[in-house]
């Protein structure tokens, strides 16, 4: 109702998963869209982008960043997860956007990881997708890397705070993804971590 130009278009359903919503919008415009067709082919790893050796189990990617503070878990908690993965014998990569190397370095330092574990800011989107495709697992917040893991069929654990996984999470028919949520939807662009996100312990 707030956008008069949308009158006559598909009705908005606030409980609907985003994939279903956008596919429904496309279908209403005569464009075929299958909400189950989420897979992307793994992109090639760019020359010179090879990170430290992963071992048999593949890397564990820890992605501590998100576009808004509402969806950012505290660095010390990410470090606890990264430290546990390293103690379990898994190689850990800490990823992030071009704005997030300081956060990634802090997580790596708190986790006791070597500086080479930090690839935040050193990859473009294609290289990041290639790393996600080759990872053994991804641990991240409700952000773009979670959707890459879904599309590339990489096992993931996704921490949800203000936005419920029923709207933004991996589809429930993909059991290799785990969405963690304590309930209580809120503003996904708020300036501080959502209480539900903080209720999740490492």
Protein backbone atom coordinates (compact mmCIF):
# COMPACT_ATOMS: atom_id res chain seq x y z
CA UNK A 1 0.00 0.00 0.00
CA UNK A 2 2.91 2.39 0.59
CA UNK A 3 4.01 2.07 -3.06
CA UNK A 4 1.13 3.08 -5.34
CA UNK A 5 3.04 1.88 -8.42
CA UNK A 6 2.79 -1.68 -7.11
CA UNK A 7 -1.02 -1.67 -7.17
CA UNK A 8 -2.27 -4.68 -9.05
CA UNK A 9 0.93 -6.60 -8.45
CA UNK A 10 1.33 -9.75 -6.37
CA UNK A 11 0.25 -9.43 -2.76
CA UNK A 12 2.99 -9.09 -0.15
CA UNK A 13 3.20 -11.91 2.39
CA UNK A 14 5.52 -11.05 5.25
CA UNK A 15 5.76 -14.68 6.37
CA UNK A 16 6.97 -15.94 3.01
CA UNK A 17 10.55 -17.09 2.38
CA UNK A 18 12.43 -14.60 0.23
CA UNK A 19 13.15 -17.21 -2.45
CA UNK A 20 9.46 -18.00 -2.81
CA UNK A 21 8.57 -14.29 -2.83
CA UNK A 22 10.93 -13.34 -5.63
CA UNK A 23 10.08 -16.41 -7.71
CA UNK A 24 6.39 -15.58 -7.29
CA UNK A 25 7.06 -12.00 -8.44
CA UNK A 26 8.89 -13.26 -11.53
CA UNK A 27 6.11 -15.74 -12.31
CA UNK A 28 3.54 -12.93 -12.06
CA UNK A 29 5.56 -11.07 -14.70
CA UNK A 30 5.58 -14.09 -17.00
CA UNK A 31 9.11 -15.23 -16.16
CA UNK A 32 9.46 -18.88 -15.16
CA UNK A 33 11.27 -19.28 -11.84
CA UNK A 34 11.75 -22.49 -9.84
CA UNK A 35 12.28 -21.79 -6.11
CA UNK A 36 14.03 -25.16 -5.81
CA UNK A 37 16.64 -24.32 -8.47
CA UNK A 38 19.17 -22.71 -6.15
CA UNK A 39 22.41 -24.42 -7.19
CA UNK A 40 25.35 -22.66 -8.80
CA UNK A 41 28.26 -24.50 -10.46
CA UNK A 42 31.48 -24.20 -8.44
CA UNK A 43 33.61 -21.43 -9.95
CA UNK A 44 37.31 -22.02 -10.63
CA UNK A 45 39.82 -20.95 -8.02
CA UNK A 46 41.71 -17.97 -9.49
CA UNK A 47 45.44 -18.33 -10.02
CA UNK A 48 47.34 -17.19 -6.96
CA UNK A 49 44.28 -17.39 -4.71
CA UNK A 50 45.13 -20.73 -3.12
CA UNK A 51 45.01 -20.42 0.69
CA UNK A 52 46.84 -22.70 3.16
CA UNK A 53 46.47 -26.46 2.67
CA UNK A 54 43.10 -27.71 3.86
CA UNK A 55 43.80 -31.37 4.55
CA UNK A 56 41.32 -34.16 3.88
CA UNK A 57 38.33 -32.44 5.51
CA UNK A 58 38.50 -29.17 3.60
CA UNK A 59 38.70 -25.75 5.16
CA UNK A 60 36.38 -24.47 7.79
CA UNK A 61 35.42 -20.98 6.67
CA UNK A 62 34.58 -18.64 9.53
CA UNK A 63 32.95 -15.47 8.24
CA UNK A 64 32.44 -13.07 11.18
CA UNK A 65 31.17 -10.04 9.30
CA UNK A 66 27.78 -8.82 8.12
CA UNK A 67 26.53 -5.59 6.58
CA UNK A 68 24.85 -4.43 9.80
CA UNK A 69 25.70 -4.73 13.47
CA UNK A 70 22.33 -6.39 14.14
CA UNK A 71 23.62 -9.51 12.38
CA UNK A 72 27.19 -9.52 13.76
CA UNK A 73 28.04 -12.01 16.49
CA UNK A 74 30.82 -10.78 18.86
CA UNK A 75 34.40 -11.43 17.67
CA UNK A 76 35.33 -13.42 20.80
CA UNK A 77 32.56 -15.92 20.02
CA UNK A 78 33.73 -16.34 16.45
CA UNK A 79 37.23 -16.86 17.82
CA UNK A 80 35.98 -19.60 20.13
CA UNK A 81 34.47 -21.43 17.14
CA UNK A 82 37.62 -20.96 15.05
CA UNK A 83 39.80 -22.17 17.93
CA UNK A 84 37.64 -25.29 18.38
CA UNK A 85 37.84 -26.07 14.66
CA UNK A 86 41.62 -25.68 14.68
CA UNK A 87 41.93 -27.92 17.75
CA UNK A 88 39.84 -30.53 15.91
CA UNK A 89 42.55 -30.56 13.24
CA UNK A 90 40.72 -28.56 10.61
CA UNK A 91 42.32 -25.74 8.66
CA UNK A 92 40.46 -22.46 9.29
CA UNK A 93 40.08 -19.54 6.90
CA UNK A 94 38.66 -16.26 8.15
CA UNK A 95 36.89 -14.47 5.31
CA UNK A 96 35.33 -11.06 4.98
CA UNK A 97 34.63 -8.14 2.71
CA UNK A 98 37.09 -5.43 1.71
CA UNK A 99 35.99 -3.48 4.82
CA UNK A 100 36.44 -6.40 7.23
CA UNK A 101 40.17 -7.32 7.44
CA UNK A 102 40.51 -5.69 10.90
CA UNK A 103 37.61 -7.79 12.22
CA UNK A 104 39.00 -10.95 10.59
CA UNK A 105 42.50 -10.31 12.00
CA UNK A 106 41.03 -9.77 15.47
CA UNK A 107 39.11 -13.07 15.29
CA UNK A 108 42.23 -14.90 14.05
CA UNK A 109 44.40 -13.36 16.78
CA UNK A 110 41.92 -14.27 19.53
CA UNK A 111 41.68 -17.79 18.11
CA UNK A 112 45.45 -18.23 17.99
CA UNK A 113 45.48 -18.66 14.20
CA UNK A 114 48.39 -17.76 11.95
CA UNK A 115 48.03 -14.50 9.95
CA UNK A 116 47.85 -16.51 6.69
CA UNK A 117 44.47 -17.84 7.85
CA UNK A 118 42.96 -14.41 7.17
CA UNK A 119 41.79 -13.97 3.59
CA UNK A 120 39.28 -11.19 4.33
CA UNK A 121 39.66 -8.39 1.82
CA UNK A 122 42.01 -10.49 -0.34
CA UNK A 123 39.31 -12.09 -2.48
CA UNK A 124 36.75 -10.74 -4.87
CA UNK A 125 33.30 -12.32 -4.99
CA UNK A 126 34.37 -14.95 -7.52
CA UNK A 127 37.37 -16.04 -5.46
CA UNK A 128 35.28 -16.10 -2.29
CA UNK A 129 32.68 -18.29 -4.01
CA UNK A 130 35.47 -20.61 -5.19
CA UNK A 131 36.75 -20.95 -1.61
CA UNK A 132 33.24 -21.61 -0.29
CA UNK A 133 32.71 -24.26 -2.98
CA UNK A 134 35.88 -26.07 -1.87
CA UNK A 135 35.35 -25.71 1.88
CA UNK A 136 34.38 -28.56 4.13
CA UNK A 137 32.02 -26.29 6.03
CA UNK A 138 31.06 -22.63 6.50
CA UNK A 139 30.12 -20.96 9.78
CA UNK A 140 28.64 -17.49 9.36
CA UNK A 141 25.90 -15.07 10.23
CA UNK A 142 22.83 -14.36 8.17
CA UNK A 143 24.69 -12.72 5.30
CA UNK A 144 25.73 -13.27 1.69
CA UNK A 145 28.23 -16.06 2.42
CA UNK A 146 25.37 -18.13 3.87
CA UNK A 147 23.56 -17.90 0.54
CA UNK A 148 26.74 -18.86 -1.33
CA UNK A 149 27.06 -21.95 0.87
CA UNK A 150 23.46 -22.86 0.07
CA UNK A 151 23.94 -22.35 -3.67
CA UNK A 152 27.23 -24.27 -3.73
CA UNK A 153 25.97 -27.11 -1.49
CA UNK A 154 28.68 -26.53 1.11
CA UNK A 155 27.61 -27.65 4.61
CA UNK A 156 26.96 -24.63 6.79
CA UNK A 157 25.92 -23.38 10.18
CA UNK A 158 24.16 -20.02 9.92
CA UNK A 159 23.49 -17.82 12.96
CA UNK A 160 20.25 -15.88 12.68
CA UNK A 161 19.36 -12.92 14.85
CA UNK A 162 16.75 -10.40 13.75
CA UNK A 163 15.56 -12.26 10.64
CA UNK A 164 14.09 -15.74 11.09
CA UNK A 165 15.47 -18.61 9.00
CA UNK A 166 11.94 -19.28 7.78
CA UNK A 167 12.34 -16.10 5.69
CA UNK A 168 16.07 -15.88 4.99
CA UNK A 169 17.61 -19.23 5.91
CA UNK A 170 18.66 -22.22 3.88
CA UNK A 171 15.73 -24.30 2.62
CA UNK A 172 14.64 -26.99 5.06
CA UNK A 173 15.00 -29.72 2.43
CA UNK A 174 18.80 -29.34 2.51
CA UNK A 175 19.85 -31.15 5.70
CA UNK A 176 23.54 -30.27 5.34
CA UNK A 177 22.73 -26.71 6.46
CA UNK A 178 21.91 -25.79 10.07
CA UNK A 179 20.15 -22.53 10.88
CA UNK A 180 20.42 -21.46 14.52
CA UNK A 181 17.83 -19.02 15.84
CA UNK A 182 16.52 -18.24 19.31
CA UNK A 183 13.41 -16.43 18.12
CA UNK A 184 12.38 -12.82 18.35
CA UNK A 185 12.49 -11.08 14.97
CA UNK A 186 13.76 -7.52 14.89
CA UNK A 187 15.35 -4.82 12.76
CA UNK A 188 17.99 -6.47 10.51
CA UNK A 189 19.85 -3.18 10.04
CA UNK A 190 19.94 -2.05 13.68
CA UNK A 191 23.15 -0.60 15.07
CA UNK A 192 23.84 -3.28 17.67
CA UNK A 193 23.68 -7.10 17.78
CA UNK A 194 20.17 -8.48 18.06
CA UNK A 195 19.41 -10.05 21.50
CA UNK A 196 18.44 -13.32 19.85
CA UNK A 197 21.82 -13.49 18.16
CA UNK A 198 23.58 -12.82 21.48
CA UNK A 199 21.55 -15.67 23.02
CA UNK A 200 23.48 -18.11 20.81
CA UNK A 201 26.57 -19.40 22.60
CA UNK A 202 29.67 -20.76 20.84
